[in-house]
PDB file of N, CA and C in Angstrom:
ATOM      1  N   MET A   1       0.858  -1.173   0.012  1.00  0.00           N
ATOM      2  CA  MET A   1       0.004   0.002  -0.025  1.00  0.00           C
ATOM      3  C   MET A   1       0.911   1.256   0.013  1.00  0.00           C
ATOM      4  N   ALA A   2       0.593   2.174  -0.854  1.00  0.00           N
ATOM      5  CA  ALA A   2       1.378   3.416  -0.978  1.00  0.00           C
ATOM      6  C   ALA A   2       1.209   4.298   0.236  1.00  0.00           C
ATOM      7  N   GLN A   3       2.323   4.842   0.653  1.00  0.00           N
ATOM      8  CA  GLN A   3       2.276   5.796   1.823  1.00  0.00           C
ATOM      9  C   GLN A   3       1.938   7.189   1.350  1.00  0.00           C
ATOM     10  N   THR A   4       1.315   7.985   2.213  1.00  0.00           N
ATOM     11  CA  THR A   4       1.037   9.357   1.926  1.00  0.00           C
ATOM     12  C   THR A   4       2.331  10.149   1.982  1.00  0.00           C
ATOM     13  N   LEU A   5       2.534  10.985   0.985  1.00  0.00           N
ATOM     14  CA  LEU A   5       3.730  11.819   0.949  1.00  0.00           C
ATOM     15  C   LEU A   5       3.611  12.920   2.029  1.00  0.00           C
ATOM     16  N   LYS A   6       4.710  13.141   2.744  1.00  0.00           N
ATOM     17  CA  LYS A   6       4.786  14.199   3.730  1.00  0.00           C
ATOM     18  C   LYS A   6       5.997  15.084   3.437  1.00  0.00           C
ATOM     19  N   CYS A   7       5.837  16.350   3.623  1.00  0.00           N
ATOM     20  CA  CYS A   7       6.944  17.272   3.476  1.00  0.00           C
ATOM     21  C   CYS A   7       7.962  17.024   4.589  1.00  0.00           C
ATOM     22  N   PRO A   8       9.231  16.814   4.210  1.00  0.00           N
ATOM     23  CA  PRO A   8      10.268  16.572   5.241  1.00  0.00           C
ATOM     24  C   PRO A   8      10.613  17.822   6.048  1.00  0.00           C
ATOM     25  N   TYR A   9      10.200  18.988   5.542  1.00  0.00           N
ATOM     26  CA  TYR A   9      10.514  20.234   6.245  1.00  0.00           C
ATOM     27  C   TYR A   9       9.472  20.623   7.303  1.00  0.00           C
ATOM     28  N   CYS A  10       8.202  20.517   6.934  1.00  0.00           N
ATOM     29  CA  CYS A  10       7.118  20.926   7.873  1.00  0.00           C
ATOM     30  C   CYS A  10       6.163  19.791   8.289  1.00  0.00           C
ATOM     31  N   GLY A  11       6.271  18.632   7.623  1.00  0.00           N
ATOM     32  CA  GLY A  11       5.441  17.514   7.963  1.00  0.00           C
ATOM     33  C   GLY A  11       4.064  17.548   7.372  1.00  0.00           C
ATOM     34  N   SER A  12       3.758  18.526   6.521  1.00  0.00           N
ATOM     35  CA  SER A  12       2.449  18.673   5.863  1.00  0.00           C
ATOM     36  C   SER A  12       2.225  17.570   4.850  1.00  0.00           C
ATOM     37  N   THR A  13       0.995  17.153   4.725  1.00  0.00           N
ATOM     38  CA  THR A  13       0.603  16.221   3.631  1.00  0.00           C
ATOM     39  C   THR A  13      -0.050  16.963   2.474  1.00  0.00           C
ATOM     40  N   ASN A  14      -0.040  18.300   2.549  1.00  0.00           N
ATOM     41  CA  ASN A  14      -0.618  19.161   1.524  1.00  0.00           C
ATOM     42  C   ASN A  14       0.479  19.399   0.435  1.00  0.00           C
ATOM     43  N   VAL A  15       0.831  18.361  -0.333  1.00  0.00           N
ATOM     44  CA  VAL A  15       1.863  18.404  -1.285  1.00  0.00           C
ATOM     45  C   VAL A  15       1.335  18.017  -2.663  1.00  0.00           C
ATOM     46  N   THR A  16       2.065  18.460  -3.684  1.00  0.00           N
ATOM     47  CA  THR A  16       1.667  18.210  -5.075  1.00  0.00           C
ATOM     48  C   THR A  16       2.860  17.776  -5.883  1.00  0.00           C
ATOM     49  N   ARG A  17       2.779  16.680  -6.631  1.00  0.00           N
ATOM     50  CA  ARG A  17       3.869  16.273  -7.546  1.00  0.00           C
ATOM     51  C   ARG A  17       3.826  17.204  -8.757  1.00  0.00           C
ATOM     52  N   MET A  18       4.983  17.587  -9.247  1.00  0.00           N
ATOM     53  CA  MET A  18       5.071  18.371 -10.442  1.00  0.00           C
ATOM     54  C   MET A  18       4.739  17.520 -11.625  1.00  0.00           C
ATOM     55  N   ASP A  19       3.813  17.931 -12.436  1.00  0.00           N
ATOM     56  CA  ASP A  19       3.472  17.143 -13.627  1.00  0.00           C
ATOM     57  C   ASP A  19       3.575  18.047 -14.874  1.00  0.00           C
ATOM     58  N   GLY A  20       4.291  19.131 -14.740  1.00  0.00           N
ATOM     59  CA  GLY A  20       4.473  20.059 -15.830  1.00  0.00           C
ATOM     60  C   GLY A  20       5.614  20.975 -15.435  1.00  0.00           C
ATOM     61  N   SER A  21       5.655  22.172 -15.978  1.00  0.00           N
ATOM     62  CA  SER A  21       6.734  23.073 -15.606  1.00  0.00           C
ATOM     63  C   SER A  21       6.255  23.851 -14.405  1.00  0.00           C
ATOM     64  N   GLY A  22       7.249  24.356 -13.642  1.00  0.00           N
ATOM     65  CA  GLY A  22       6.983  25.116 -12.441  1.00  0.00           C
ATOM     66  C   GLY A  22       8.216  25.788 -11.960  1.00  0.00           C
ATOM     67  N   VAL A  23       8.072  26.707 -11.070  1.00  0.00           N
ATOM     68  CA  VAL A  23       9.165  27.446 -10.494  1.00  0.00           C
ATOM     69  C   VAL A  23       9.453  26.953  -9.097  1.00  0.00           C
ATOM     70  N   VAL A  24      10.697  26.684  -8.802  1.00  0.00           N
ATOM     71  CA  VAL A  24      11.136  26.317  -7.456  1.00  0.00           C
ATOM     72  C   VAL A  24      12.179  27.280  -7.003  1.00  0.00           C
ATOM     73  N   SER A  25      12.380  27.429  -5.673  1.00  0.00           N
ATOM     74  CA  SER A  25      13.349  28.286  -5.122  1.00  0.00           C
ATOM     75  C   SER A  25      14.580  27.494  -4.705  1.00  0.00           C
ATOM     76  N   LYS A  26      15.705  27.836  -5.114  1.00  0.00           N
ATOM     77  CA  LYS A  26      16.955  27.186  -4.728  1.00  0.00           C
ATOM     78  C   LYS A  26      18.015  28.232  -4.389  1.00  0.00           C
ATOM     79  N   LEU A  27      18.535  28.229  -3.189  1.00  0.00           N
ATOM     80  CA  LEU A  27      19.602  29.099  -2.765  1.00  0.00           C
ATOM     81  C   LEU A  27      19.257  30.547  -3.038  1.00  0.00           C
ATOM     82  N   GLY A  28      18.001  30.933  -2.782  1.00  0.00           N
ATOM     83  CA  GLY A  28      17.567  32.311  -2.949  1.00  0.00           C
ATOM     84  C   GLY A  28      17.257  32.709  -4.359  1.00  0.00           C
ATOM     85  N   LYS A  29      17.338  31.768  -5.294  1.00  0.00           N
ATOM     86  CA  LYS A  29      17.060  32.068  -6.721  1.00  0.00           C
ATOM     87  C   LYS A  29      15.836  31.293  -7.109  1.00  0.00           C
ATOM     88  N   ARG A  30      15.042  31.832  -8.012  1.00  0.00           N
ATOM     89  CA  ARG A  30      13.906  31.112  -8.554  1.00  0.00           C
ATOM     90  C   ARG A  30      14.288  30.435  -9.862  1.00  0.00           C
ATOM     91  N   VAL A  31      14.073  29.125  -9.948  1.00  0.00           N
ATOM     92  CA  VAL A  31      14.493  28.331 -11.084  1.00  0.00           C
ATOM     93  C   VAL A  31      13.305  27.633 -11.735  1.00  0.00           C
ATOM     94  N   MET A  32      13.219  27.719 -13.065  1.00  0.00           N
ATOM     95  CA  MET A  32      12.137  26.997 -13.758  1.00  0.00           C
ATOM     96  C   MET A  32      12.548  25.601 -14.034  1.00  0.00           C
ATOM     97  N   VAL A  33      11.698  24.642 -13.590  1.00  0.00           N
ATOM     98  CA  VAL A  33      11.924  23.214 -13.816  1.00  0.00           C
ATOM     99  C   VAL A  33      10.840  22.715 -14.714  1.00  0.00           C
ATOM    100  N   ASP A  34      11.182  21.936 -15.755  1.00  0.00           N
ATOM    101  CA  ASP A  34      10.189  21.411 -16.723  1.00  0.00           C
ATOM    102  C   ASP A  34      10.012  19.933 -16.552  1.00  0.00           C
ATOM    103  N   ILE A  35       8.788  19.551 -16.269  1.00  0.00           N
ATOM    104  CA  ILE A  35       8.348  18.155 -16.176  1.00  0.00           C
ATOM    105  C   ILE A  35       9.318  17.338 -15.314  1.00  0.00           C
ATOM    106  N   ALA A  36       9.169  17.435 -14.004  1.00  0.00           N
ATOM    107  CA  ALA A  36       9.968  16.681 -13.094  1.00  0.00           C
ATOM    108  C   ALA A  36       9.083  16.006 -12.063  1.00  0.00           C
ATOM    109  N   PRO A  37       8.477  14.899 -12.458  1.00  0.00           N
ATOM    110  CA  PRO A  37       7.476  14.224 -11.550  1.00  0.00           C
ATOM    111  C   PRO A  37       8.066  13.686 -10.294  1.00  0.00           C
ATOM    112  N   ASP A  38       9.376  13.566 -10.147  1.00  0.00           N
ATOM    113  CA  ASP A  38       9.973  13.108  -8.902  1.00  0.00           C
ATOM    114  C   ASP A  38      10.141  14.307  -7.946  1.00  0.00           C
ATOM    115  N   ILE A  39       9.837  15.481  -8.367  1.00  0.00           N
ATOM    116  CA  ILE A  39       9.890  16.652  -7.454  1.00  0.00           C
ATOM    117  C   ILE A  39       8.482  16.914  -6.937  1.00  0.00           C
ATOM    118  N   VAL A  40       8.443  17.110  -5.629  1.00  0.00           N
ATOM    119  CA  VAL A  40       7.166  17.338  -4.955  1.00  0.00           C
ATOM    120  C   VAL A  40       7.241  18.708  -4.331  1.00  0.00           C
ATOM    121  N   LEU A  41       6.184  19.495  -4.459  1.00  0.00           N
ATOM    122  CA  LEU A  41       6.115  20.848  -3.928  1.00  0.00           C
ATOM    123  C   LEU A  41       5.140  20.837  -2.715  1.00  0.00           C
ATOM    124  N   CYS A  42       5.619  21.436  -1.607  1.00  0.00           N
ATOM    125  CA  CYS A  42       4.761  21.576  -0.411  1.00  0.00           C
ATOM    126  C   CYS A  42       3.958  22.855  -0.553  1.00  0.00           C
ATOM    127  N   ASN A  43       2.641  22.704  -0.475  1.00  0.00           N
ATOM    128  CA  ASN A  43       1.763  23.877  -0.647  1.00  0.00           C
ATOM    129  C   ASN A  43       1.617  24.719   0.642  1.00  0.00           C
ATOM    130  N   ASP A  44       2.240  24.254   1.728  1.00  0.00           N
ATOM    131  CA  ASP A  44       2.196  25.028   2.994  1.00  0.00           C
ATOM    132  C   ASP A  44       3.474  25.811   3.210  1.00  0.00           C
ATOM    133  N   CYS A  45       4.643  25.131   3.214  1.00  0.00           N
ATOM    134  CA  CYS A  45       5.867  25.874   3.456  1.00  0.00           C
ATOM    135  C   CYS A  45       6.626  26.268   2.190  1.00  0.00           C
ATOM    136  N   HIS A  46       6.083  25.817   1.024  1.00  0.00           N
ATOM    137  CA  HIS A  46       6.628  26.192  -0.295  1.00  0.00           C
ATOM    138  C   HIS A  46       8.022  25.683  -0.575  1.00  0.00           C
ATOM    139  N   GLN A  47       8.405  24.590   0.128  1.00  0.00           N
ATOM    140  CA  GLN A  47       9.692  23.949  -0.176  1.00  0.00           C
ATOM    141  C   GLN A  47       9.479  22.868  -1.194  1.00  0.00           C
ATOM    142  N   ASP A  48      10.552  22.473  -1.875  1.00  0.00           N
ATOM    143  CA  ASP A  48      10.412  21.326  -2.793  1.00  0.00           C
ATOM    144  C   ASP A  48      11.377  20.209  -2.348  1.00  0.00           C
ATOM    145  N   PHE A  49      11.009  19.011  -2.670  1.00  0.00           N
ATOM    146  CA  PHE A  49      11.841  17.853  -2.306  1.00  0.00           C
ATOM    147  C   PHE A  49      11.571  16.752  -3.314  1.00  0.00           C
ATOM    148  N   SER A  50      12.469  15.782  -3.358  1.00  0.00           N
ATOM    149  CA  SER A  50      12.285  14.683  -4.299  1.00  0.00           C
ATOM    150  C   SER A  50      11.671  13.501  -3.583  1.00  0.00           C
ATOM    151  N   ALA A  51      10.918  12.719  -4.321  1.00  0.00           N
ATOM    152  CA  ALA A  51      10.275  11.512  -3.808  1.00  0.00           C
ATOM    153  C   ALA A  51      10.254  10.479  -4.919  1.00  0.00           C
ATOM    154  N   PRO A  52      10.388   9.253  -4.598  1.00  0.00           N
ATOM    155  CA  PRO A  52      10.339   8.198  -5.643  1.00  0.00           C
ATOM    156  C   PRO A  52       9.002   8.165  -6.326  1.00  0.00           C
ATOM    157  N   LEU A  53       9.034   7.844  -7.651  1.00  0.00           N
ATOM    158  CA  LEU A  53       7.750   7.770  -8.372  1.00  0.00           C
ATOM    159  C   LEU A  53       6.990   6.501  -8.084  1.00  0.00           C
ATOM    160  N   PHE A  54       7.731   5.463  -7.727  1.00  0.00           N
ATOM    161  CA  PHE A  54       7.094   4.175  -7.490  1.00  0.00           C
ATOM    162  C   PHE A  54       7.398   3.648  -6.093  1.00  0.00           C
ATOM    163  N   ASP A  55       6.417   3.030  -5.496  1.00  0.00           N
ATOM    164  CA  ASP A  55       6.641   2.399  -4.217  1.00  0.00           C
ATOM    165  C   ASP A  55       7.483   1.130  -4.454  1.00  0.00           C
ATOM    166  N   GLU A  56       8.562   0.968  -3.736  1.00  0.00           N
ATOM    167  CA  GLU A  56       9.457  -0.189  -3.942  1.00  0.00           C
ATOM    168  C   GLU A  56       8.692  -1.505  -3.791  1.00  0.00           C
ATOM    169  N   GLU A  57       7.678  -1.571  -2.941  1.00  0.00           N
ATOM    170  CA  GLU A  57       6.976  -2.787  -2.710  1.00  0.00           C
ATOM    171  C   GLU A  57       6.149  -3.248  -3.916  1.00  0.00           C
ATOM    172  N   ILE A  58       5.740  -2.271  -4.781  1.00  0.00           N
ATOM    173  CA  ILE A  58       4.928  -2.670  -5.902  1.00  0.00           C
ATOM    174  C   ILE A  58       5.645  -2.507  -7.252  1.00  0.00           C
ATOM    175  N   ALA A  59       6.941  -2.171  -7.188  1.00  0.00           N
ATOM    176  CA  ALA A  59       7.742  -2.016  -8.423  1.00  0.00           C
ATOM    177  C   ALA A  59       7.827  -3.334  -9.130  1.00  0.00           C
ATOM    178  N   ILE A  60       7.920  -3.291 -10.412  1.00  0.00           N
ATOM    179  CA  ILE A  60       8.061  -4.523 -11.236  1.00  0.00           C
ATOM    180  C   ILE A  60       9.437  -5.105 -11.048  1.00  0.00           C
ATOM    181  N   PRO A  61       9.538  -6.373 -10.657  1.00  0.00           N
ATOM    182  CA  PRO A  61      10.879  -6.963 -10.480  1.00  0.00           C
ATOM    183  C   PRO A  61      11.636  -7.118 -11.798  1.00  0.00           C
ATOM    184  N   ASP A  62      12.945  -7.293 -11.657  1.00  0.00           N
ATOM    185  CA  ASP A  62      13.852  -7.448 -12.823  1.00  0.00           C
ATOM    186  C   ASP A  62      13.497  -8.763 -13.543  1.00  0.00           C
TER     187      ASP A  62
END
């Protein structure tokens, strides 16, 4: 069963996977990222973090 994503910075579950282009803040600069589904944006603290696309338990074996 897939776990709910939580922001590692504030613990919020109000997060959204990027499924298109968007702007993220890195080191005080705003950077445009295009289609990065492994990047998750926190809608509460506005931090971004990476998360695996697939749950290892349900991934297709080799």
